[in-house]
Amino acid sequence: MSVPPMYGSAAVESARKLRDALARYEIAADVSEGHELALLSLRSGLLVWSNGLRFWWCSGWNEERRRAVYASQEVSNVDRAARRISLLCTGNQNVPPSAGELS
């Protein structure tokens, strides 16, 4: 079964861009593809999905509701996604955003 090029290739392309952006933070990731999605598997154990339009990943756990909390980012801002994921991987989620990220 082949992946329709409209979504599959966009998902893989965006995942590869994110992989390259994460490498600047010294975070290694492998890209896999299938079923119109791309998956980045980070060495930290975090998984990031892309459908070619957005990235999304588990950013924590809501103990009260007993479910995962997910974050997402548009693929058009791959650098911001890489920074957010790097902060999650290093445990520095409370670091304030840079001035460029506020715009």
N, C-alpha and C. Protein backbone atom coordinates (compact mmCIF):
# COMPACT_ATOMS: atom_id res chain seq x y z
N MET A 1 0.85 -1.18 0.00
CA MET A 1 0.00 0.00 0.00
C MET A 1 0.89 1.23 0.00
N SER A 2 0.69 2.13 -0.93
CA SER A 2 1.52 3.33 -0.99
C SER A 2 0.82 4.49 -0.28
N VAL A 3 1.64 5.39 0.23
CA VAL A 3 1.13 6.56 0.93
C VAL A 3 0.82 7.63 -0.10
N PRO A 4 -0.36 8.24 -0.05
CA PRO A 4 -0.67 9.31 -0.99
C PRO A 4 0.36 10.43 -0.87
N PRO A 5 0.95 10.88 -1.99
CA PRO A 5 2.02 11.86 -1.91
C PRO A 5 1.61 13.19 -1.31
N MET A 6 0.31 13.53 -1.38
CA MET A 6 -0.12 14.82 -0.86
C MET A 6 0.16 14.94 0.64
N TYR A 7 -0.08 13.90 1.42
CA TYR A 7 0.11 13.97 2.86
C TYR A 7 1.39 13.29 3.30
N GLY A 8 1.63 12.09 2.83
CA GLY A 8 2.77 11.32 3.29
C GLY A 8 4.09 12.02 3.08
N SER A 9 4.30 12.57 1.88
CA SER A 9 5.58 13.23 1.62
C SER A 9 5.71 14.51 2.43
N ALA A 10 4.64 15.24 2.63
CA ALA A 10 4.69 16.47 3.44
C ALA A 10 4.99 16.13 4.90
N ALA A 11 4.41 15.03 5.38
CA ALA A 11 4.66 14.61 6.75
C ALA A 11 6.12 14.23 6.94
N VAL A 12 6.66 13.47 5.99
CA VAL A 12 8.05 13.04 6.09
C VAL A 12 8.99 14.23 5.94
N GLU A 13 8.71 15.11 5.00
CA GLU A 13 9.55 16.29 4.81
C GLU A 13 9.59 17.15 6.07
N SER A 14 8.43 17.39 6.67
CA SER A 14 8.40 18.20 7.88
C SER A 14 9.11 17.50 9.03
N ALA A 15 8.97 16.18 9.13
CA ALA A 15 9.65 15.43 10.19
C ALA A 15 11.16 15.50 10.02
N ARG A 16 11.61 15.43 8.79
CA ARG A 16 13.06 15.52 8.55
C ARG A 16 13.59 16.91 8.90
N LYS A 17 12.81 17.94 8.61
CA LYS A 17 13.20 19.30 8.98
C LYS A 17 13.28 19.44 10.50
N LEU A 18 12.31 18.85 11.20
CA LEU A 18 12.34 18.90 12.66
C LEU A 18 13.53 18.11 13.20
N ARG A 19 13.82 16.96 12.63
CA ARG A 19 14.98 16.17 13.04
C ARG A 19 16.25 17.01 12.91
N ASP A 20 16.40 17.72 11.80
CA ASP A 20 17.58 18.56 11.60
C ASP A 20 17.63 19.72 12.60
N ALA A 21 16.47 20.30 12.88
CA ALA A 21 16.41 21.40 13.85
C ALA A 21 16.74 20.89 15.25
N LEU A 22 16.26 19.71 15.61
CA LEU A 22 16.57 19.13 16.93
C LEU A 22 18.06 18.81 17.06
N ALA A 23 18.70 18.47 15.96
CA ALA A 23 20.14 18.18 15.99
C ALA A 23 20.93 19.39 16.45
N ARG A 24 20.44 20.59 16.17
CA ARG A 24 21.12 21.81 16.65
C ARG A 24 21.08 21.92 18.17
N TYR A 25 20.14 21.22 18.79
CA TYR A 25 20.06 21.16 20.26
C TYR A 25 20.71 19.88 20.79
N GLU A 26 21.41 19.19 19.90
CA GLU A 26 22.08 17.93 20.23
C GLU A 26 21.09 16.85 20.67
N ILE A 27 19.93 16.85 20.02
CA ILE A 27 18.91 15.84 20.27
C ILE A 27 18.79 14.99 19.01
N ALA A 28 19.09 13.71 19.15
CA ALA A 28 19.04 12.80 18.01
C ALA A 28 17.63 12.23 17.88
N ALA A 29 17.22 12.02 16.64
CA ALA A 29 15.89 11.46 16.37
C ALA A 29 15.94 10.65 15.08
N ASP A 30 15.12 9.61 15.03
CA ASP A 30 14.95 8.80 13.83
C ASP A 30 13.57 9.10 13.26
N VAL A 31 13.46 9.11 11.93
CA VAL A 31 12.20 9.37 11.26
C VAL A 31 11.68 8.08 10.66
N SER A 32 10.41 7.78 10.93
CA SER A 32 9.71 6.64 10.33
C SER A 32 8.46 7.18 9.65
N GLU A 33 7.95 6.44 8.70
CA GLU A 33 6.76 6.91 8.00
C GLU A 33 5.79 5.78 7.74
N GLY A 34 4.53 6.14 7.60
CA GLY A 34 3.50 5.17 7.28
C GLY A 34 2.13 5.70 7.63
N HIS A 35 1.13 5.24 6.92
CA HIS A 35 -0.27 5.59 7.17
C HIS A 35 -0.49 7.10 7.19
N GLU A 36 0.14 7.79 6.24
CA GLU A 36 -0.02 9.23 6.05
C GLU A 36 0.55 10.07 7.20
N LEU A 37 1.38 9.46 8.04
CA LEU A 37 2.02 10.17 9.14
C LEU A 37 3.52 9.91 9.12
N ALA A 38 4.25 10.80 9.75
CA ALA A 38 5.67 10.57 10.02
C ALA A 38 5.84 10.60 11.53
N LEU A 39 6.76 9.82 12.00
CA LEU A 39 7.00 9.70 13.43
C LEU A 39 8.48 9.94 13.70
N LEU A 40 8.77 10.83 14.64
CA LEU A 40 10.14 11.02 15.10
C LEU A 40 10.27 10.32 16.44
N SER A 41 11.24 9.48 16.54
CA SER A 41 11.52 8.78 17.78
C SER A 41 12.81 9.37 18.35
N LEU A 42 12.68 10.06 19.48
CA LEU A 42 13.84 10.70 20.09
C LEU A 42 14.51 9.76 21.07
N ARG A 43 15.79 9.93 21.26
CA ARG A 43 16.56 9.07 22.15
C ARG A 43 16.04 9.14 23.59
N SER A 44 15.40 10.25 23.93
CA SER A 44 14.86 10.42 25.28
C SER A 44 13.61 9.57 25.51
N GLY A 45 13.08 8.97 24.42
CA GLY A 45 11.86 8.18 24.52
C GLY A 45 10.62 8.93 24.06
N LEU A 46 10.76 10.20 23.80
CA LEU A 46 9.64 11.01 23.34
C LEU A 46 9.33 10.69 21.88
N LEU A 47 8.04 10.64 21.55
CA LEU A 47 7.60 10.44 20.17
C LEU A 47 6.92 11.72 19.68
N VAL A 48 7.24 12.12 18.47
CA VAL A 48 6.64 13.31 17.85
C VAL A 48 6.01 12.86 16.54
N TRP A 49 4.75 13.18 16.34
CA TRP A 49 4.04 12.84 15.12
C TRP A 49 3.92 14.06 14.22
N SER A 50 3.81 13.80 12.92
CA SER A 50 3.53 14.87 11.97
C SER A 50 2.61 14.34 10.88
N ASN A 51 1.66 15.16 10.51
CA ASN A 51 0.79 14.83 9.38
C ASN A 51 1.08 15.74 8.19
N GLY A 52 2.15 16.52 8.29
CA GLY A 52 2.50 17.47 7.24
C GLY A 52 1.95 18.85 7.49
N LEU A 53 1.01 18.97 8.43
CA LEU A 53 0.44 20.27 8.79
C LEU A 53 0.85 20.69 10.20
N ARG A 54 0.92 19.70 11.11
CA ARG A 54 1.26 19.97 12.51
C ARG A 54 2.18 18.89 13.04
N PHE A 55 2.93 19.26 14.07
CA PHE A 55 3.64 18.29 14.91
C PHE A 55 2.84 18.18 16.20
N TRP A 56 2.83 17.03 16.83
CA TRP A 56 2.26 16.92 18.17
C TRP A 56 3.00 15.86 18.94
N TRP A 57 3.02 16.05 20.28
CA TRP A 57 3.77 15.18 21.18
C TRP A 57 3.16 15.24 22.57
N CYS A 58 3.44 14.22 23.34
CA CYS A 58 2.96 14.18 24.73
C CYS A 58 3.86 15.07 25.56
N SER A 59 3.27 16.04 26.23
CA SER A 59 4.06 16.99 27.01
C SER A 59 3.93 16.79 28.52
N GLY A 60 3.12 15.83 28.93
CA GLY A 60 2.98 15.60 30.36
C GLY A 60 1.79 14.71 30.68
N TRP A 61 1.46 14.69 31.94
CA TRP A 61 0.38 13.85 32.44
C TRP A 61 -0.49 14.66 33.37
N ASN A 62 -1.81 14.62 33.18
CA ASN A 62 -2.75 15.28 34.06
C ASN A 62 -3.24 14.23 35.05
N GLU A 63 -2.74 14.33 36.26
CA GLU A 63 -3.05 13.33 37.27
C GLU A 63 -4.55 13.35 37.64
N GLU A 64 -5.12 14.54 37.71
CA GLU A 64 -6.53 14.67 38.07
C GLU A 64 -7.45 13.98 37.06
N ARG A 65 -7.15 14.18 35.78
CA ARG A 65 -7.99 13.58 34.74
C ARG A 65 -7.46 12.22 34.29
N ARG A 66 -6.30 11.87 34.79
CA ARG A 66 -5.66 10.59 34.48
C ARG A 66 -5.52 10.36 32.97
N ARG A 67 -4.93 11.38 32.32
CA ARG A 67 -4.69 11.26 30.88
C ARG A 67 -3.50 12.11 30.47
N ALA A 68 -2.98 11.78 29.31
CA ALA A 68 -1.84 12.52 28.77
C ALA A 68 -2.26 13.91 28.32
N VAL A 69 -1.31 14.83 28.38
CA VAL A 69 -1.51 16.19 27.86
C VAL A 69 -0.61 16.31 26.63
N TYR A 70 -1.17 16.78 25.55
CA TYR A 70 -0.42 16.88 24.30
C TYR A 70 -0.19 18.34 23.93
N ALA A 71 0.96 18.57 23.31
CA ALA A 71 1.30 19.88 22.76
C ALA A 71 1.38 19.73 21.25
N SER A 72 1.20 20.83 20.54
CA SER A 72 1.34 20.77 19.09
C SER A 72 1.90 22.08 18.58
N GLN A 73 2.39 22.02 17.37
CA GLN A 73 2.97 23.20 16.72
C GLN A 73 2.79 23.04 15.22
N GLU A 74 2.49 24.13 14.54
CA GLU A 74 2.38 24.09 13.08
C GLU A 74 3.75 23.80 12.48
N VAL A 75 3.79 23.02 11.41
CA VAL A 75 5.08 22.68 10.80
C VAL A 75 5.75 23.89 10.16
N SER A 76 5.00 24.95 9.94
CA SER A 76 5.59 26.16 9.37
C SER A 76 6.55 26.83 10.33
N ASN A 77 6.50 26.47 11.61
CA ASN A 77 7.41 27.04 12.61
C ASN A 77 8.23 25.92 13.25
N VAL A 78 9.03 25.25 12.43
CA VAL A 78 9.79 24.09 12.88
C VAL A 78 10.82 24.47 13.96
N ASP A 79 11.38 25.68 13.89
CA ASP A 79 12.37 26.08 14.89
C ASP A 79 11.73 26.22 16.27
N ARG A 80 10.53 26.75 16.32
CA ARG A 80 9.84 26.87 17.61
C ARG A 80 9.49 25.48 18.15
N ALA A 81 9.04 24.60 17.28
CA ALA A 81 8.74 23.23 17.71
C ALA A 81 9.99 22.57 18.28
N ALA A 82 11.12 22.75 17.61
CA ALA A 82 12.38 22.15 18.09
C ALA A 82 12.76 22.71 19.46
N ARG A 83 12.59 24.00 19.64
CA ARG A 83 12.93 24.59 20.95
C ARG A 83 12.01 24.07 22.04
N ARG A 84 10.72 24.01 21.76
CA ARG A 84 9.77 23.51 22.76
C ARG A 84 10.07 22.06 23.14
N ILE A 85 10.37 21.26 22.13
CA ILE A 85 10.68 19.85 22.39
C ILE A 85 12.00 19.73 23.15
N SER A 86 12.98 20.55 22.79
CA SER A 86 14.27 20.49 23.50
C SER A 86 14.10 20.86 24.97
N LEU A 87 13.26 21.84 25.26
CA LEU A 87 13.02 22.22 26.65
C LEU A 87 12.34 21.09 27.42
N LEU A 88 11.44 20.40 26.76
CA LEU A 88 10.77 19.26 27.38
C LEU A 88 11.77 18.13 27.65
N CYS A 89 12.64 17.87 26.69
CA CYS A 89 13.63 16.79 26.84
C CYS A 89 14.65 17.07 27.92
N THR A 90 14.97 18.35 28.13
CA THR A 90 15.97 18.71 29.13
C THR A 90 15.35 19.07 30.48
N GLY A 91 14.01 19.07 30.54
CA GLY A 91 13.35 19.38 31.80
C GLY A 91 13.29 20.85 32.12
N ASN A 92 13.48 21.72 31.11
CA ASN A 92 13.48 23.16 31.32
C ASN A 92 12.25 23.83 30.75
N GLN A 93 11.08 23.24 30.95
CA GLN A 93 9.86 23.78 30.37
C GLN A 93 9.51 25.17 30.87
N ASN A 94 10.04 25.58 32.00
CA ASN A 94 9.68 26.87 32.58
C ASN A 94 10.59 28.01 32.13
N VAL A 95 11.48 27.75 31.17
CA VAL A 95 12.33 28.80 30.64
C VAL A 95 11.47 29.72 29.79
N PRO A 96 11.55 31.05 30.00
CA PRO A 96 10.71 31.95 29.22
C PRO A 96 11.12 31.92 27.74
N PRO A 97 10.15 32.14 26.85
CA PRO A 97 10.45 32.14 25.41
C PRO A 97 11.33 33.32 25.03
N SER A 98 12.09 33.16 23.95
CA SER A 98 12.90 34.27 23.45
C SER A 98 11.98 35.30 22.80
N ALA A 99 12.50 36.50 22.56
CA ALA A 99 11.69 37.56 22.01
C ALA A 99 11.12 37.19 20.64
N GLY A 100 11.89 36.47 19.83
CA GLY A 100 11.42 36.06 18.51
C GLY A 100 10.24 35.11 18.56
N GLU A 101 10.15 34.34 19.62
CA GLU A 101 9.05 33.38 19.74
C GLU A 101 7.76 34.04 20.20
N LEU A 102 7.84 35.22 20.74
CA LEU A 102 6.65 35.89 21.23
C LEU A 102 5.85 36.53 20.10
N SER A 103 6.47 36.73 18.96
CA SER A 103 5.77 37.38 17.85
C SER A 103 4.97 36.40 17.05
